[in-house]
Amino acid sequence: MDEAGETVDVVIAGSGAAALTAALTAAVGGLGVLILEKTARIGGTSAMSGAGTWIPANHHARAAGIADSEAQALAYLRAASPAGWAETEDALWQRFVTEAPRMLAFVERHTPLRYGLTGEPDPKAEAPGGMQGGRMVSPHPLRRGLVGRYGRCIRRSTLPHRFSYLEMQRFDLYHEPIRTVAKLAPLLFWRLLTGAAGQGNALVVGLLKGCLDHGCRIALEHRVVSLLTDRADGSVGGVAVEHRGRRRRILARSGVVLATGGFEWDPDLRERYFPGPLDRLGSPSGNTGDGQRLAASVGARLERMDQANVYPTLPTRYEGRPHALPAIFQAEPHAIVVNREGRRFVSEYDYNIGEALDSRDPESGQPRHLPAWVIADRRFLRRSLLFRYYATKEPGWVRRAPDLGRLARLAGLPERALAATVARFNGFCRSGRDGDFHRGESAWERSKAGPGGGAGNPTLGPIEEPPFLAIPLNRSILGTKGGARTDPNGQVLRADGSLIGGLYCAGNAMANPIGTRALGAGTTIGPCMTWGYICGNALLDANRRGAAAGSSTIESSSASVPGQA
């Protein structure tokens, strides 16, 4: 029997951007909020992220004279998303484009977070409604000490969070680390002294500060193990939590928000929904699908379980184990990406190269292109000191050979196919145009093109100077994006389409309306925060209507492994 616990207005499971934005919204509206985090660290995947945040029609763009609108953003989502997605996601897209700019303004009013425009175009800016800039924002650095004793509990990252996202973009830290540090040395030293950080740490510090200032409480190492449901109508009225071997019940008058992140660290679920080669994971190891199991245990419909933030990564270590450092390392002039047949299948500068890597055979469900490889010549190594440093974290990761034939044998690739692919690419470099995948022609790819290459296209550089290199490039997952299907208010739906009263879901724990195909460099964090905001406001609306009033008989519902897709 679980011990009796307290009663609060709202329980939030998780402490990432979606969770904290939901908590902040509910607390500013006057509800008492308890945030439950199962690990000893606050912030989840959000704290580890670069915190690029895609918000269409935001007030920073408007102040800069950049014209955008909700209608234009909706047109872009409809045009740039995968075929068929509008049938299930359009209502959620409509809600997102309406609420996202309101969310950003709300967060800046009620927290110390301040954002700046990054200037990046939409990855598919040429699509109807696409923009050449104005939708990507990122937080300025904040001191971890703003949240007092919790500053020590903010989850650290594999990314260099002494820098802001804007600084990394402006100074090109990946290619110019020494010059960047030299230029910013006084600022970096000051941040070191004051405990200031940028990117995901700044995001979580700012949101947490706002939550604490508005009366939210946070309990660490408290894992939600089951949802408490009303025997009569199945609505959720609280949670059972486990802390250091003891279990207790916490009742929630207004509702429960599941914002526990993805399931990528659960090997069974990962193999079920992402079969095939995997390079590494880039999120906290606590992302084991708790929210998905909890939702399924009370009859929720799980969808989009095969969607994820799939991204190129460098090898590193985190908390004593191999881990992923997000980096678009393959986008270099003297490099291409080939599939297991030795052929190119995507532009190497495409922001959505992760979607191409994850492309599945419709019959077997297995990846169509993997294992994949970056093929490059010796000039690739000269481009980045940081690449050479991180390559040492995984001995044998980079294969070298004096000619393409021996390189093909090292990588297990067909020799003739690889030689033909490289020859064809070298011809494109001489002409200045990639006739297969139009590398370097889109607004996004032009924005990421650095010096180098030839014939007027800086993304194109021939592969012809030995030694030649082969580097594995399979899927790395920064966070899965499938879970409970929700309505436009963030309320969880059953398989029959009915609402589960009192249960809400946001972030990577929900069936995310923007999946593996990223429509902006911040279309994980931006929608996560927005759906947290939507859930918070839905809880306030339900409270005002008196939806949580009255007595009910509560029982526990177990959180078993979901058996549905």
Protein backbone atom coordinates (compact mmCIF):
# COMPACT_ATOMS: atom_id res chain seq x y z
CA MET A 1 0.00 0.00 0.00
CA ASP A 2 1.38 3.43 -0.96
CA GLU A 3 1.73 5.97 1.83
CA ALA A 4 -0.72 8.84 1.83
CA GLY A 5 0.87 12.04 0.60
CA GLU A 6 -0.06 15.63 -0.02
CA THR A 7 -2.60 17.24 -2.31
CA VAL A 8 -1.56 19.92 -4.80
CA ASP A 9 -3.20 21.65 -7.73
CA VAL A 10 -0.87 20.40 -10.48
CA VAL A 11 1.77 17.70 -10.73
CA ILE A 12 4.40 18.02 -13.47
CA ALA A 13 6.42 14.90 -14.28
CA GLY A 14 9.79 15.97 -15.69
CA SER A 15 11.94 19.10 -15.51
CA GLY A 16 12.90 19.94 -19.10
CA ALA A 17 11.74 22.92 -21.15
CA ALA A 18 8.22 21.58 -21.72
CA ALA A 19 7.77 20.68 -18.04
CA LEU A 20 9.10 23.97 -16.68
CA THR A 21 7.09 26.07 -19.15
CA ALA A 22 3.93 24.20 -18.16
CA ALA A 23 4.74 24.69 -14.48
CA LEU A 24 5.48 28.39 -14.96
CA THR A 25 2.25 29.00 -16.88
CA ALA A 26 0.10 27.25 -14.31
CA ALA A 27 1.86 28.94 -11.39
CA VAL A 28 1.59 32.45 -12.84
CA GLY A 29 -2.13 31.74 -13.19
CA GLY A 30 -2.38 30.99 -9.49
CA LEU A 31 -2.17 27.22 -9.24
CA GLY A 32 0.08 25.39 -6.79
CA VAL A 33 2.59 23.32 -8.77
CA LEU A 34 4.82 20.41 -7.78
CA ILE A 35 7.54 19.40 -10.25
CA LEU A 36 8.78 15.80 -9.94
CA GLU A 37 12.15 14.89 -11.46
CA LYS A 38 13.26 11.27 -11.25
CA THR A 39 17.01 11.97 -11.47
CA ALA A 40 19.24 14.13 -9.28
CA ARG A 41 19.68 16.64 -12.14
CA ILE A 42 17.29 19.32 -13.42
CA GLY A 43 16.62 20.08 -17.05
CA GLY A 44 16.65 16.79 -18.95
CA THR A 45 17.56 16.91 -22.63
CA SER A 46 16.72 20.62 -22.74
CA ALA A 47 19.54 21.46 -20.34
CA MET A 48 22.00 19.63 -22.59
CA SER A 49 20.77 21.27 -25.79
CA GLY A 50 21.95 24.24 -27.80
CA ALA A 51 18.57 25.87 -26.99
CA GLY A 52 17.92 27.08 -30.51
CA THR A 53 14.21 27.89 -30.43
CA TRP A 54 11.99 28.12 -33.52
CA ILE A 55 9.18 30.60 -32.90
CA PRO A 56 7.37 32.04 -35.94
CA ALA A 57 5.97 35.59 -35.89
CA ASN A 58 7.89 36.40 -32.70
CA HIS A 59 8.24 39.91 -31.25
CA HIS A 60 12.02 40.02 -31.76
CA ALA A 61 11.58 39.58 -35.49
CA ARG A 62 8.86 42.21 -35.51
CA ALA A 63 11.14 44.66 -33.68
CA ALA A 64 13.84 43.99 -36.29
CA GLY A 65 11.42 44.83 -39.09
CA ILE A 66 11.04 41.22 -40.28
CA ALA A 67 7.53 40.56 -41.56
CA ASP A 68 6.06 37.20 -40.55
CA SER A 69 2.61 35.95 -39.62
CA GLU A 70 0.81 32.97 -38.18
CA ALA A 71 -0.75 32.31 -41.59
CA GLN A 72 2.65 32.31 -43.26
CA ALA A 73 4.08 29.96 -40.64
CA LEU A 74 1.12 27.59 -41.01
CA ALA A 75 1.59 27.57 -44.77
CA TYR A 76 5.23 26.63 -44.24
CA LEU A 77 4.39 23.79 -41.85
CA ARG A 78 1.87 22.42 -44.32
CA ALA A 79 4.21 22.69 -47.30
CA ALA A 80 7.44 21.48 -45.69
CA SER A 81 6.14 18.59 -43.56
CA PRO A 82 6.07 14.96 -44.75
CA ALA A 83 3.19 13.95 -47.03
CA GLY A 84 0.09 12.92 -45.11
CA TRP A 85 1.01 14.58 -41.83
CA ALA A 86 -1.52 17.36 -42.22
CA GLU A 87 -4.34 14.85 -41.84
CA THR A 88 -3.49 14.30 -38.16
CA GLU A 89 -1.33 17.28 -37.24
CA ASP A 90 -2.97 20.32 -38.85
CA ALA A 91 -5.08 21.22 -35.82
CA LEU A 92 -1.96 21.04 -33.63
CA TRP A 93 0.05 23.12 -36.12
CA GLN A 94 -2.67 25.77 -36.06
CA ARG A 95 -2.54 25.88 -32.28
CA PHE A 96 1.26 25.97 -32.28
CA VAL A 97 1.62 28.95 -34.63
CA THR A 98 -0.95 30.87 -32.59
CA GLU A 99 0.51 30.14 -29.18
CA ALA A 100 4.27 30.05 -29.89
CA PRO A 101 4.80 33.84 -30.12
CA ARG A 102 2.58 34.34 -27.06
CA MET A 103 4.63 31.77 -25.17
CA LEU A 104 7.91 33.54 -25.93
CA ALA A 105 6.56 36.90 -24.78
CA PHE A 106 5.10 35.27 -21.65
CA VAL A 107 8.42 33.61 -20.76
CA GLU A 108 10.33 36.86 -21.14
CA ARG A 109 7.77 38.67 -18.94
CA HIS A 110 7.92 36.16 -16.10
CA THR A 111 11.52 34.92 -16.11
CA PRO A 112 14.99 36.45 -16.48
CA LEU A 113 15.33 34.83 -19.92
CA ARG A 114 16.10 37.19 -22.78
CA TYR A 115 16.35 36.03 -26.37
CA GLY A 116 18.15 37.19 -29.50
CA LEU A 117 17.58 36.42 -33.17
CA THR A 118 20.12 34.04 -34.68
CA GLY A 119 19.63 35.09 -38.29
CA GLU A 120 19.34 31.53 -39.60
CA PRO A 121 16.92 30.75 -42.44
CA ASP A 122 14.34 28.00 -42.32
CA PRO A 123 15.92 24.72 -43.52
CA LYS A 124 13.27 24.63 -46.27
CA ALA A 125 13.05 28.38 -46.81
CA GLU A 126 12.15 27.91 -50.48
CA ALA A 127 8.86 26.19 -49.55
CA PRO A 128 5.68 28.30 -49.41
CA GLY A 129 5.71 30.34 -46.21
CA GLY A 130 9.44 29.78 -45.64
CA MET A 131 11.60 32.57 -44.25
CA GLN A 132 15.18 33.70 -44.84
CA GLY A 133 15.46 34.53 -41.14
CA GLY A 134 13.59 35.76 -38.09
CA ARG A 135 12.13 32.55 -36.65
CA MET A 136 15.15 31.21 -34.78
CA VAL A 137 15.92 32.72 -31.37
CA SER A 138 18.26 31.67 -28.58
CA PRO A 139 18.62 32.71 -24.92
CA HIS A 140 21.41 34.91 -23.66
CA PRO A 141 23.62 33.45 -20.87
CA LEU A 142 22.46 33.45 -17.24
CA ARG A 143 24.16 32.70 -13.92
CA ARG A 144 23.32 29.33 -12.43
CA GLY A 145 23.38 31.04 -9.03
CA LEU A 146 20.05 32.70 -9.87
CA VAL A 147 18.32 29.52 -8.69
CA GLY A 148 20.29 29.25 -5.45
CA ARG A 149 21.09 25.76 -4.25
CA TYR A 150 19.44 24.30 -7.36
CA GLY A 151 22.21 25.79 -9.50
CA ARG A 152 24.41 22.83 -8.60
CA CYS A 153 21.68 20.48 -9.81
CA ILE A 154 21.29 21.88 -13.33
CA ARG A 155 22.26 19.13 -15.76
CA ARG A 156 25.53 19.83 -17.54
CA SER A 157 26.09 19.20 -21.24
CA THR A 158 28.57 17.76 -23.69
CA LEU A 159 28.24 21.09 -25.56
CA PRO A 160 30.43 24.08 -24.52
CA HIS A 161 27.81 26.03 -22.59
CA ARG A 162 30.20 28.84 -21.64
CA PHE A 163 29.29 30.11 -25.10
CA SER A 164 25.86 31.23 -26.21
CA TYR A 165 24.31 29.72 -29.33
CA LEU A 166 24.70 33.12 -31.00
CA GLU A 167 28.43 33.22 -30.23
CA MET A 168 29.02 29.71 -31.52
CA GLN A 169 27.22 30.62 -34.73
CA ARG A 170 28.92 33.99 -35.21
CA PHE A 171 32.49 32.94 -34.45
CA ASP A 172 32.32 29.37 -35.82
CA LEU A 173 33.68 27.64 -32.74
CA TYR A 174 33.77 24.26 -34.49
CA HIS A 175 36.21 25.41 -37.17
CA GLU A 176 37.97 28.21 -35.27
CA PRO A 177 38.16 27.20 -31.57
CA ILE A 178 41.44 28.98 -30.77
CA ARG A 179 40.47 32.24 -32.46
CA THR A 180 37.00 32.15 -30.88
CA VAL A 181 38.35 31.62 -27.36
CA ALA A 182 40.95 34.36 -27.89
CA LYS A 183 38.34 36.88 -29.02
CA LEU A 184 35.96 36.07 -26.18
CA ALA A 185 38.55 35.39 -23.46
CA PRO A 186 37.57 38.21 -21.05
CA LEU A 187 33.87 37.36 -21.36
CA LEU A 188 34.50 33.64 -20.92
CA PHE A 189 36.65 34.30 -17.86
CA TRP A 190 33.90 36.44 -16.33
CA ARG A 191 31.36 33.68 -16.95
CA LEU A 192 33.67 31.17 -15.32
CA LEU A 193 33.96 33.37 -12.24
CA THR A 194 30.23 34.05 -12.00
CA GLY A 195 28.95 30.60 -13.00
CA ALA A 196 27.15 31.93 -16.07
CA ALA A 197 26.21 29.61 -18.91
CA GLY A 198 24.46 29.83 -22.24
CA GLN A 199 22.38 27.56 -24.45
CA GLY A 200 20.42 24.81 -22.66
CA ASN A 201 21.75 25.64 -19.21
CA ALA A 202 20.65 29.28 -19.59
CA LEU A 203 17.22 28.10 -20.76
CA VAL A 204 16.68 25.84 -17.76
CA VAL A 205 18.08 28.34 -15.24
CA GLY A 206 15.75 31.04 -16.54
CA LEU A 207 12.65 28.85 -16.58
CA LEU A 208 13.41 27.38 -13.16
CA LYS A 209 13.97 30.84 -11.69
CA GLY A 210 10.57 31.91 -12.96
CA CYS A 211 8.96 28.77 -11.55
CA LEU A 212 10.55 29.24 -8.11
CA ASP A 213 9.62 32.93 -8.03
CA HIS A 214 6.00 32.01 -8.64
CA GLY A 215 5.81 29.39 -5.92
CA CYS A 216 6.53 26.13 -7.72
CA ARG A 217 8.21 23.37 -5.74
CA ILE A 218 10.57 20.82 -7.22
CA ALA A 219 11.39 17.38 -5.83
CA LEU A 220 14.45 15.55 -7.19
CA GLU A 221 14.90 11.78 -7.31
CA HIS A 222 11.12 11.35 -7.29
CA ARG A 223 10.02 8.96 -10.01
CA VAL A 224 6.36 8.79 -11.00
CA VAL A 225 5.59 5.06 -11.03
CA SER A 226 1.84 5.13 -11.66
CA LEU A 227 -1.11 7.41 -12.31
CA LEU A 228 -4.04 7.55 -9.93
CA THR A 229 -7.36 7.25 -11.70
CA ASP A 230 -11.01 7.66 -10.83
CA ARG A 231 -12.78 4.30 -10.91
CA ALA A 232 -15.91 5.81 -12.39
CA ASP A 233 -14.67 7.78 -15.40
CA GLY A 234 -10.97 6.91 -15.67
CA SER A 235 -9.82 10.49 -15.17
CA VAL A 236 -6.39 11.08 -13.63
CA GLY A 237 -6.35 12.63 -10.19
CA GLY A 238 -2.75 12.23 -9.06
CA VAL A 239 0.37 10.11 -9.10
CA ALA A 240 2.22 7.53 -7.07
CA VAL A 241 5.89 8.41 -6.67
CA GLU A 242 8.93 6.51 -5.51
CA HIS A 243 11.74 8.19 -3.58
CA ARG A 244 14.64 6.23 -2.11
CA GLY A 245 12.63 3.03 -1.91
CA ARG A 246 9.48 4.57 -0.43
CA ARG A 247 6.26 5.08 -2.35
CA ARG A 248 3.58 7.64 -1.67
CA ARG A 249 0.52 9.10 -3.34
CA ILE A 250 0.21 12.72 -4.40
CA LEU A 251 -3.24 13.94 -5.42
CA ALA A 252 -3.62 16.63 -8.09
CA ARG A 253 -6.81 18.71 -7.98
CA SER A 254 -6.45 20.15 -11.49
CA GLY A 255 -4.34 17.62 -13.36
CA VAL A 256 -1.07 15.92 -14.20
CA VAL A 257 1.32 16.87 -17.01
CA LEU A 258 3.61 14.20 -18.45
CA ALA A 259 6.77 15.87 -19.79
CA THR A 260 9.32 13.15 -19.11
CA GLY A 261 11.15 13.15 -22.45
CA GLY A 262 11.76 10.32 -24.87
CA PHE A 263 12.40 6.59 -24.61
CA GLU A 264 15.72 6.30 -26.46
CA TRP A 265 17.57 4.81 -23.47
CA ASP A 266 15.17 1.86 -23.21
CA PRO A 267 16.85 -0.82 -25.38
CA ASP A 268 13.66 -2.78 -26.03
CA LEU A 269 11.61 0.20 -27.14
CA ARG A 270 14.50 1.63 -29.14
CA GLU A 271 15.07 -1.63 -31.02
CA ARG A 272 11.36 -1.96 -31.65
CA TYR A 273 10.91 1.49 -33.16
CA PHE A 274 14.46 2.19 -34.44
CA PRO A 275 15.90 -1.12 -35.65
CA GLY A 276 19.28 -1.18 -37.33
CA PRO A 277 22.64 0.56 -36.86
CA LEU A 278 22.92 3.19 -34.14
CA ASP A 279 26.04 5.27 -33.50
CA ARG A 280 25.28 6.79 -30.11
CA LEU A 281 22.73 8.60 -27.91
CA GLY A 282 22.92 12.26 -26.94
CA SER A 283 20.38 12.66 -24.13
CA PRO A 284 20.29 11.90 -20.39
CA SER A 285 20.19 8.18 -19.61
CA GLY A 286 17.00 8.74 -17.61
CA ASN A 287 15.04 9.02 -20.86
CA THR A 288 13.62 5.51 -20.65
CA GLY A 289 10.01 6.07 -21.70
CA ASP A 290 8.35 6.67 -18.32
CA GLY A 291 5.78 9.08 -19.76
CA GLN A 292 4.91 6.78 -22.64
CA ARG A 293 4.35 3.85 -20.26
CA LEU A 294 2.33 5.92 -17.82
CA ALA A 295 0.08 7.25 -20.58
CA ALA A 296 -0.42 3.78 -22.07
CA SER A 297 -1.29 2.36 -18.64
CA VAL A 298 -4.45 4.48 -18.52
CA GLY A 299 -5.50 3.77 -22.09
CA ALA A 300 -3.77 6.53 -24.04
CA ARG A 301 -3.18 6.15 -27.76
CA LEU A 302 0.54 6.20 -28.55
CA GLU A 303 1.59 7.54 -31.95
CA ARG A 304 4.68 8.77 -33.83
CA MET A 305 6.81 6.30 -31.90
CA ASP A 306 9.13 5.98 -34.90
CA GLN A 307 10.00 9.70 -34.90
CA ALA A 308 13.09 11.21 -33.28
CA ASN A 309 15.63 13.99 -33.37
CA VAL A 310 18.20 12.13 -35.49
CA TYR A 311 21.43 14.06 -35.89
CA PRO A 312 25.12 13.60 -36.77
CA THR A 313 27.32 13.40 -33.67
CA LEU A 314 30.91 13.15 -32.55
CA PRO A 315 31.97 10.57 -29.96
CA THR A 316 32.53 11.78 -26.41
CA ARG A 317 31.93 10.64 -22.85
CA TYR A 318 29.32 11.80 -20.34
CA GLU A 319 28.72 10.58 -16.81
CA GLY A 320 31.33 7.87 -17.31
CA ARG A 321 29.93 6.28 -20.47
CA PRO A 322 30.15 6.76 -24.27
CA HIS A 323 27.91 9.57 -25.41
CA ALA A 324 27.09 11.80 -28.38
CA LEU A 325 28.11 15.39 -29.07
CA PRO A 326 25.77 16.92 -31.70
CA ALA A 327 27.80 18.29 -34.62
CA ILE A 328 27.16 18.58 -38.35
CA PHE A 329 30.68 17.33 -38.98
CA GLN A 330 29.96 15.76 -42.37
CA ALA A 331 29.16 19.12 -44.00
CA GLU A 332 32.63 19.90 -45.35
CA PRO A 333 33.80 20.65 -48.91
CA HIS A 334 36.06 17.62 -49.40
CA ALA A 335 33.58 15.05 -48.08
CA ILE A 336 30.53 13.10 -49.15
CA VAL A 337 28.15 10.64 -47.46
CA VAL A 338 27.51 7.26 -49.08
CA ASN A 339 25.18 4.40 -48.24
CA ARG A 340 26.08 0.75 -47.89
CA GLU A 341 26.11 0.48 -51.69
CA GLY A 342 28.77 3.18 -51.98
CA ARG A 343 26.37 5.76 -53.45
CA ARG A 344 25.33 9.22 -52.30
CA PHE A 345 21.70 9.57 -51.20
CA VAL A 346 21.38 13.10 -49.79
CA SER A 347 23.04 16.50 -49.82
CA GLU A 348 25.65 16.39 -47.07
CA TYR A 349 24.70 19.95 -46.03
CA ASP A 350 20.99 19.16 -45.72
CA TYR A 351 19.83 20.02 -42.20
CA ASN A 352 17.56 16.97 -42.36
CA ILE A 353 20.28 14.48 -43.18
CA GLY A 354 19.05 12.60 -40.09
CA GLU A 355 15.74 11.95 -41.82
CA ALA A 356 17.60 10.50 -44.81
CA LEU A 357 19.71 8.30 -42.54
CA ASP A 358 16.53 7.04 -40.86
CA SER A 359 14.69 6.32 -44.12
CA ARG A 360 13.01 2.90 -43.77
CA ASP A 361 12.14 0.15 -46.19
CA PRO A 362 8.30 0.11 -46.25
CA GLU A 363 8.13 -3.69 -46.15
CA SER A 364 10.83 -4.68 -43.65
CA GLY A 365 10.93 -1.48 -41.60
CA GLN A 366 14.74 -1.64 -41.68
CA PRO A 367 16.93 1.36 -42.62
CA ARG A 368 17.40 1.63 -46.39
CA HIS A 369 20.86 3.23 -46.41
CA LEU A 370 22.69 2.06 -43.31
CA PRO A 371 25.44 1.52 -42.57
CA ALA A 372 26.46 4.87 -44.08
CA TRP A 373 29.89 6.45 -44.28
CA VAL A 374 31.51 9.85 -44.62
CA ILE A 375 34.15 9.59 -47.36
CA ALA A 376 36.74 12.37 -47.39
CA ASP A 377 40.34 13.23 -48.20
CA ARG A 378 43.09 14.57 -45.97
CA ARG A 379 41.85 18.18 -46.20
CA PHE A 380 38.79 17.18 -44.17
CA LEU A 381 40.99 16.77 -41.09
CA ARG A 382 42.50 20.22 -41.51
CA ARG A 383 39.11 21.86 -41.28
CA SER A 384 38.51 21.31 -37.57
CA LEU A 385 40.82 20.91 -34.61
CA LEU A 386 37.78 19.93 -32.53
CA PHE A 387 36.95 17.06 -34.90
CA ARG A 388 40.45 15.66 -34.49
CA TYR A 389 40.17 15.98 -30.71
CA TYR A 390 36.83 14.18 -30.43
CA ALA A 391 37.90 11.48 -32.86
CA THR A 392 40.42 10.35 -30.22
CA LYS A 393 37.49 9.52 -27.91
CA GLU A 394 36.68 6.47 -30.05
CA PRO A 395 39.87 4.81 -31.33
CA GLY A 396 39.45 3.34 -34.78
CA TRP A 397 36.44 5.51 -35.58
CA VAL A 398 38.25 7.19 -38.49
CA ARG A 399 39.59 4.72 -41.05
CA ARG A 400 42.48 5.82 -43.32
CA ALA A 401 43.82 4.36 -46.56
CA PRO A 402 46.24 5.50 -49.30
CA ASP A 403 43.71 4.86 -52.07
CA LEU A 404 39.95 4.50 -52.52
CA GLY A 405 40.14 0.78 -53.22
CA ARG A 406 41.70 -0.05 -49.88
CA LEU A 407 39.38 2.44 -48.16
CA ALA A 408 36.37 0.64 -49.64
CA ARG A 409 37.63 -2.67 -48.31
CA LEU A 410 38.13 -1.19 -44.83
CA ALA A 411 34.54 0.09 -44.81
CA GLY A 412 33.01 -2.97 -46.48
CA LEU A 413 31.85 -0.93 -49.49
CA PRO A 414 31.74 -2.00 -53.16
CA GLU A 415 35.01 -0.73 -54.65
CA ARG A 416 33.76 0.10 -58.14
CA ALA A 417 30.63 1.84 -56.86
CA LEU A 418 32.61 4.00 -54.44
CA ALA A 419 35.18 4.93 -57.09
CA ALA A 420 32.40 5.90 -59.51
CA THR A 421 30.61 7.94 -56.85
CA VAL A 422 33.75 9.89 -55.96
CA ALA A 423 34.56 10.48 -59.63
CA ARG A 424 31.06 11.78 -60.29
CA PHE A 425 31.22 14.09 -57.27
CA ASN A 426 34.64 15.41 -58.34
CA GLY A 427 33.11 16.27 -61.70
CA PHE A 428 30.41 18.29 -59.94
CA CYS A 429 33.15 20.13 -58.05
CA ARG A 430 34.79 21.15 -61.34
CA SER A 431 31.51 22.41 -62.76
CA GLY A 432 30.42 24.10 -59.53
CA ARG A 433 27.01 22.39 -59.39
CA ASP A 434 25.87 19.20 -57.67
CA GLY A 435 23.70 17.65 -60.36
CA ASP A 436 22.36 14.95 -58.02
CA PHE A 437 21.41 16.68 -54.75
CA HIS A 438 21.95 20.42 -55.42
CA ARG A 439 24.38 20.77 -52.55
CA GLY A 440 24.97 24.37 -51.57
CA GLU A 441 22.01 25.78 -53.49
CA SER A 442 19.32 26.22 -50.81
CA ALA A 443 19.25 29.22 -48.47
CA TRP A 444 20.05 26.97 -45.50
CA GLU A 445 23.00 25.31 -47.20
CA ARG A 446 24.37 28.62 -48.44
CA SER A 447 24.18 29.96 -44.89
CA LYS A 448 26.30 27.06 -43.66
CA ALA A 449 28.87 27.17 -46.46
CA GLY A 450 32.29 28.26 -45.29
CA PRO A 451 35.43 29.01 -47.28
CA GLY A 452 36.77 26.33 -49.60
CA GLY A 453 35.52 24.35 -52.54
CA GLY A 454 35.67 25.50 -56.11
CA ALA A 455 33.90 26.94 -59.14
CA GLY A 456 31.89 29.41 -57.06
CA ASN A 457 30.24 26.86 -54.78
CA PRO A 458 32.08 26.77 -51.42
CA THR A 459 30.37 23.52 -50.37
CA LEU A 460 32.00 21.58 -53.22
CA GLY A 461 35.58 20.35 -52.92
CA PRO A 462 37.00 17.31 -54.74
CA ILE A 463 38.08 14.15 -52.94
CA GLU A 464 41.48 13.44 -54.44
CA GLU A 465 44.32 13.96 -51.95
CA PRO A 466 45.39 10.88 -49.92
CA PRO A 467 45.15 9.60 -47.33
CA PHE A 468 41.44 9.00 -47.84
CA LEU A 469 39.09 8.71 -44.87
CA ALA A 470 35.98 6.67 -44.04
CA ILE A 471 33.96 7.63 -40.95
CA PRO A 472 30.75 5.85 -39.87
CA LEU A 473 27.65 8.03 -40.03
CA ASN A 474 24.64 6.08 -38.81
CA ARG A 475 21.76 7.32 -36.72
CA SER A 476 22.45 9.10 -33.48
CA ILE A 477 19.35 9.94 -31.45
CA LEU A 478 19.12 13.11 -29.37
CA GLY A 479 15.56 12.33 -28.30
CA THR A 480 12.62 10.27 -29.54
CA LYS A 481 9.47 12.24 -30.36
CA GLY A 482 6.62 9.77 -30.02
CA GLY A 483 4.12 9.21 -27.24
CA ALA A 484 0.59 10.01 -26.19
CA ARG A 485 -1.67 11.53 -28.82
CA THR A 486 -3.15 14.79 -27.55
CA ASP A 487 -5.81 17.23 -28.61
CA PRO A 488 -4.93 20.88 -29.41
CA ASN A 489 -5.11 21.67 -25.67
CA GLY A 490 -2.45 19.10 -24.81
CA GLN A 491 -4.99 16.77 -23.19
CA VAL A 492 -4.30 13.06 -23.70
CA LEU A 493 -6.62 11.00 -25.91
CA ARG A 494 -7.68 7.38 -25.61
CA ALA A 495 -7.58 4.96 -28.51
CA ASP A 496 -11.27 5.74 -29.22
CA GLY A 497 -10.58 9.48 -29.38
CA SER A 498 -12.11 10.36 -26.03
CA LEU A 499 -10.28 12.55 -23.53
CA ILE A 500 -8.58 11.21 -20.43
CA GLY A 501 -9.66 13.74 -17.86
CA GLY A 502 -6.91 15.41 -15.86
CA LEU A 503 -4.02 14.09 -18.00
CA TYR A 504 -1.89 16.32 -20.24
CA CYS A 505 1.29 15.69 -22.19
CA ALA A 506 3.99 17.90 -23.71
CA GLY A 507 7.47 17.80 -25.23
CA ASN A 508 9.12 14.58 -26.35
CA ALA A 509 6.73 12.49 -24.28
CA MET A 510 3.83 13.35 -26.61
CA ALA A 511 3.12 12.37 -30.20
CA ASN A 512 5.05 15.38 -31.41
CA PRO A 513 3.41 17.27 -34.31
CA ILE A 514 6.90 17.94 -35.73
CA GLY A 515 8.77 14.66 -36.01
CA THR A 516 12.07 13.53 -37.45
CA ARG A 517 11.90 16.11 -40.23
CA ALA A 518 12.98 19.34 -38.54
CA LEU A 519 11.36 22.39 -40.12
CA GLY A 520 13.67 24.75 -38.28
CA ALA A 521 16.89 24.43 -36.32
CA GLY A 522 14.86 24.88 -33.13
CA THR A 523 11.78 22.81 -33.91
CA THR A 524 12.38 20.58 -30.91
CA ILE A 525 12.75 23.20 -28.16
CA GLY A 526 10.28 25.70 -29.64
CA PRO A 527 7.34 23.29 -29.88
CA CYS A 528 8.25 21.66 -26.55
CA MET A 529 8.02 24.98 -24.74
CA THR A 530 4.88 25.94 -26.63
CA TRP A 531 3.08 22.71 -25.73
CA GLY A 532 4.10 23.19 -22.13
CA TYR A 533 2.53 26.65 -22.30
CA ILE A 534 -0.60 25.23 -23.93
CA CYS A 535 -0.91 22.56 -21.22
CA GLY A 536 -0.47 25.15 -18.47
CA ASN A 537 -3.22 27.32 -19.90
CA ALA A 538 -5.50 24.33 -20.39
CA LEU A 539 -5.07 23.47 -16.70
CA LEU A 540 -5.98 27.04 -15.78
CA ASP A 541 -9.05 26.92 -18.01
CA ALA A 542 -10.12 23.60 -16.49
CA ASN A 543 -9.62 24.98 -13.01
CA ARG A 544 -11.74 28.01 -13.81
CA ARG A 545 -14.51 25.77 -15.09
CA GLY A 546 -14.37 23.78 -11.89
CA ALA A 547 -13.48 20.59 -13.79
CA ALA A 548 -11.45 19.29 -10.87
CA ALA A 549 -14.09 20.04 -8.22
CA GLY A 550 -15.84 17.34 -6.23
CA SER A 551 -14.72 14.10 -4.66
CA SER A 552 -13.69 10.93 -6.44
CA THR A 553 -12.45 7.45 -5.67
CA ILE A 554 -8.85 7.17 -6.82
CA GLU A 555 -6.99 3.99 -7.73
CA SER A 556 -3.50 3.33 -9.05
CA SER A 557 -2.89 2.30 -12.66
CA SER A 558 0.34 0.47 -13.39
CA ALA A 559 2.92 1.73 -15.88
CA SER A 560 3.71 -1.37 -17.91
CA VAL A 561 5.58 -1.43 -21.20
CA PRO A 562 3.25 -0.14 -23.94
CA GLY A 563 2.22 -2.69 -26.51
CA GLN A 564 0.95 -0.34 -29.19
CA ALA A 565 2.52 1.74 -31.91
